[in-house]
C-alpha atoms as a PDB file:
ATOM      1  CA  MET A   1      -3.063 -14.237  -2.467  1.00  0.00           C
ATOM      2  CA  VAL A   2      -2.512 -10.960  -0.632  1.00  0.00           C
ATOM      3  CA  PHE A   3      -1.609  -7.868  -2.648  1.00  0.00           C
ATOM      4  CA  CYS A   4      -0.388  -4.683  -0.931  1.00  0.00           C
ATOM      5  CA  PHE A   5      -0.757  -1.260  -2.531  1.00  0.00           C
ATOM      6  CA  ASP A   6       0.947   1.936  -1.420  1.00  0.00           C
ATOM      7  CA  LEU A   7      -1.334   4.966  -1.211  1.00  0.00           C
ATOM      8  CA  ASP A   8       0.687   8.178  -1.493  1.00  0.00           C
ATOM      9  CA  GLY A   9       2.361   8.398  -4.879  1.00  0.00           C
ATOM     10  CA  THR A  10       0.902   5.114  -6.103  1.00  0.00           C
ATOM     11  CA  VAL A  11      -2.879   5.039  -5.734  1.00  0.00           C
ATOM     12  CA  THR A  12      -2.905   8.856  -5.628  1.00  0.00           C
ATOM     13  CA  ALA A  13      -0.950   9.035  -8.894  1.00  0.00           C
ATOM     14  CA  PHE A  14      -3.096   6.494 -10.738  1.00  0.00           C
ATOM     15  CA  PRO A  15      -6.404   6.295  -8.838  1.00  0.00           C
ATOM     16  CA  GLU A  16      -8.561   4.995 -11.676  1.00  0.00           C
ATOM     17  CA  GLN A  17      -6.085   2.333 -12.746  1.00  0.00           C
ATOM     18  CA  MET A  18      -5.174   1.220  -9.212  1.00  0.00           C
ATOM     19  CA  CYS A  19      -8.815   1.050  -8.143  1.00  0.00           C
ATOM     20  CA  ALA A  20      -9.618  -1.063 -11.206  1.00  0.00           C
ATOM     21  CA  LEU A  21      -6.665  -3.353 -10.471  1.00  0.00           C
ATOM     22  CA  MET A  22      -7.554  -3.690  -6.778  1.00  0.00           C
ATOM     23  CA  THR A  23     -11.225  -4.299  -7.576  1.00  0.00           C
ATOM     24  CA  GLY A  24     -10.316  -6.935 -10.144  1.00  0.00           C
ATOM     25  CA  LEU A  25      -8.028  -8.743  -7.720  1.00  0.00           C
ATOM     26  CA  ARG A  26     -10.755  -8.797  -5.084  1.00  0.00           C
ATOM     27  CA  ALA A  27     -13.323  -9.994  -7.607  1.00  0.00           C
ATOM     28  CA  VAL A  28     -11.312 -13.171  -8.210  1.00  0.00           C
ATOM     29  CA  GLY A  29     -10.819 -13.843  -4.508  1.00  0.00           C
ATOM     30  CA  HIS A  30      -7.557 -12.139  -3.585  1.00  0.00           C
ATOM     31  CA  ARG A  31      -7.132  -9.900  -0.528  1.00  0.00           C
ATOM     32  CA  VAL A  32      -6.090  -6.290  -1.113  1.00  0.00           C
ATOM     33  CA  VAL A  33      -4.303  -4.286   1.559  1.00  0.00           C
ATOM     34  CA  VAL A  34      -3.570  -0.578   1.268  1.00  0.00           C
ATOM     35  CA  LEU A  35      -0.192  -0.350   3.027  1.00  0.00           C
ATOM     36  CA  SER A  36       0.712   3.272   3.580  1.00  0.00           C
ATOM     37  CA  GLY A  37       3.412   5.131   5.464  1.00  0.00           C
ATOM     38  CA  ALA A  38       3.179   8.108   7.792  1.00  0.00           C
ATOM     39  CA  LYS A  39       5.875  10.528   8.856  1.00  0.00           C
ATOM     40  CA  ALA A  40       5.420  10.155  12.621  1.00  0.00           C
ATOM     41  CA  ASP A  41       6.681   8.229  15.628  1.00  0.00           C
ATOM     42  CA  THR A  42       3.611   5.997  15.594  1.00  0.00           C
ATOM     43  CA  ALA A  43       0.577   5.576  13.372  1.00  0.00           C
ATOM     44  CA  THR A  44      -2.511   6.982  15.052  1.00  0.00           C
ATOM     45  CA  GLN A  45      -6.213   6.667  14.394  1.00  0.00           C
ATOM     46  CA  ASP A  46      -6.022  10.162  12.875  1.00  0.00           C
ATOM     47  CA  HIS A  47      -3.526   8.849  10.292  1.00  0.00           C
ATOM     48  CA  VAL A  48      -5.815   5.937   9.474  1.00  0.00           C
ATOM     49  CA  ASP A  49      -8.875   8.186   9.221  1.00  0.00           C
ATOM     50  CA  ALA A  50      -7.063  10.640   6.934  1.00  0.00           C
ATOM     51  CA  LYS A  51      -5.861   7.832   4.654  1.00  0.00           C
ATOM     52  CA  ARG A  52      -9.345   6.308   4.570  1.00  0.00           C
ATOM     53  CA  ALA A  53     -10.828   9.705   3.648  1.00  0.00           C
ATOM     54  CA  LEU A  54      -8.239  10.147   0.899  1.00  0.00           C
ATOM     55  CA  LEU A  55      -9.093   6.730  -0.545  1.00  0.00           C
ATOM     56  CA  ALA A  56     -12.779   7.672  -0.550  1.00  0.00           C
ATOM     57  CA  GLN A  57     -11.997  11.000  -2.226  1.00  0.00           C
ATOM     58  CA  LEU A  58     -10.095   9.120  -4.936  1.00  0.00           C
ATOM     59  CA  GLY A  59     -13.075   6.817  -5.552  1.00  0.00           C
ATOM     60  CA  CYS A  60     -11.334   3.845  -3.966  1.00  0.00           C
ATOM     61  CA  ALA A  61     -13.418   3.421  -0.802  1.00  0.00           C
ATOM     62  CA  ASP A  62     -14.615  -0.049  -1.832  1.00  0.00           C
ATOM     63  CA  CYS A  63     -11.486  -1.256  -3.635  1.00  0.00           C
ATOM     64  CA  TYR A  64      -9.605  -2.806  -0.712  1.00  0.00           C
ATOM     65  CA  ASP A  65     -10.075  -5.118   2.257  1.00  0.00           C
ATOM     66  CA  THR A  66      -7.734  -3.625   4.845  1.00  0.00           C
ATOM     67  CA  LEU A  67      -5.942  -0.324   5.430  1.00  0.00           C
ATOM     68  CA  VAL A  68      -2.648  -0.462   7.331  1.00  0.00           C
ATOM     69  CA  VAL A  69      -0.523   2.563   8.231  1.00  0.00           C
ATOM     70  CA  VAL A  70       3.083   2.160   9.348  1.00  0.00           C
ATOM     71  CA  ALA A  71       5.029   5.097  10.750  1.00  0.00           C
ATOM     72  CA  ASN A  72       8.570   6.388  10.965  1.00  0.00           C
ATOM     73  CA  PRO A  73       9.635   9.955  11.854  1.00  0.00           C
ATOM     74  CA  LYS A  74      11.699  10.189   8.644  1.00  0.00           C
ATOM     75  CA  ASN A  75       9.060   8.287   6.637  1.00  0.00           C
ATOM     76  CA  ASP A  76      11.643   5.540   6.060  1.00  0.00           C
ATOM     77  CA  VAL A  77       9.066   2.755   6.049  1.00  0.00           C
ATOM     78  CA  ALA A  78      10.585   0.110   3.759  1.00  0.00           C
ATOM     79  CA  ASP A  79      11.478  -2.303   6.577  1.00  0.00           C
ATOM     80  CA  LEU A  80       8.127  -1.703   8.264  1.00  0.00           C
ATOM     81  CA  LYS A  81       6.253  -2.506   5.060  1.00  0.00           C
ATOM     82  CA  VAL A  82       8.281  -5.697   4.591  1.00  0.00           C
ATOM     83  CA  ALA A  83       7.659  -6.710   8.212  1.00  0.00           C
ATOM     84  CA  TYR A  84       3.916  -6.228   7.747  1.00  0.00           C
ATOM     85  CA  MET A  85       3.996  -8.193   4.485  1.00  0.00           C
ATOM     86  CA  ARG A  86       5.732 -11.096   6.224  1.00  0.00           C
ATOM     87  CA  GLN A  87       3.244 -11.043   9.106  1.00  0.00           C
ATOM     88  CA  ALA A  88       0.284 -10.921   6.693  1.00  0.00           C
ATOM     89  CA  ASN A  89       1.703 -13.624   4.392  1.00  0.00           C
ATOM     90  CA  ALA A  90       1.502 -11.127   1.544  1.00  0.00           C
ATOM     91  CA  ASP A  91       2.569 -11.998  -1.966  1.00  0.00           C
ATOM     92  CA  ALA A  92       3.175  -8.686  -3.720  1.00  0.00           C
ATOM     93  CA  LEU A  93       3.668  -4.952  -3.267  1.00  0.00           C
ATOM     94  CA  VAL A  94       2.770  -2.162  -5.688  1.00  0.00           C
ATOM     95  CA  ASP A  95       4.668   0.952  -4.582  1.00  0.00           C
ATOM     96  CA  ASN A  96       6.161   4.001  -6.282  1.00  0.00           C
ATOM     97  CA  ASP A  97       9.038   4.318  -3.808  1.00  0.00           C
ATOM     98  CA  HIS A  98      12.258   2.734  -5.029  1.00  0.00           C
ATOM     99  CA  ALA A  99      13.487   1.905  -1.502  1.00  0.00           C
ATOM    100  CA  ASN A 100      10.234   0.153  -0.617  1.00  0.00           C
ATOM    101  CA  VAL A 101      10.275  -1.876  -3.834  1.00  0.00           C
ATOM    102  CA  ARG A 102      13.941  -2.776  -3.385  1.00  0.00           C
ATOM    103  CA  ALA A 103      13.349  -3.930   0.219  1.00  0.00           C
ATOM    104  CA  ALA A 104      10.334  -6.017  -0.784  1.00  0.00           C
ATOM    105  CA  ARG A 105      12.242  -7.668  -3.632  1.00  0.00           C
ATOM    106  CA  LYS A 106      15.220  -8.347  -1.377  1.00  0.00           C
ATOM    107  CA  ALA A 107      12.815 -10.053   1.056  1.00  0.00           C
ATOM    108  CA  GLY A 108      11.556 -12.300  -1.760  1.00  0.00           C
ATOM    109  CA  PHE A 109       8.294 -10.556  -2.620  1.00  0.00           C
ATOM    110  CA  LEU A 110       7.040  -9.621  -6.058  1.00  0.00           C
ATOM    111  CA  ALA A 111       7.252  -5.827  -6.132  1.00  0.00           C
ATOM    112  CA  LEU A 112       6.009  -3.554  -8.899  1.00  0.00           C
ATOM    113  CA  ARG A 113       6.903   0.122  -9.213  1.00  0.00           C
ATOM    114  CA  PRO A 114       4.456   2.166 -11.303  1.00  0.00           C
ATOM    115  CA  GLY A 115       5.555   5.483 -12.698  1.00  0.00           C
ATOM    116  CA  ARG A 116       5.408   7.856 -15.556  1.00  0.00           C
ATOM    117  CA  THR A 117       8.123   7.896 -18.179  1.00  0.00           C
END
């Protein structure tokens, strides 16, 4: 199975828990993709490098298989995340953004929204 995890607001909000979850999924043979958005016209190598550095800073450098950054000038990336998930034959999304979770669910994916009460 392929599990996608949002970075900003998801992994950054719960780095220890998300890293443990991602590591556990990989340990039993699943693929883990960090699927992050950027507020820009296009995702650049600088975006990817910054996200990779943030993951390393959070202690999650070895917790995932692939890092994908999708971009939109208004950071409205729900449809872009769903399109990537379809292309990658993904199974689930873990994302703190309500619009992203709603779009993934509408497209038929399992989508989990972590948050504090």
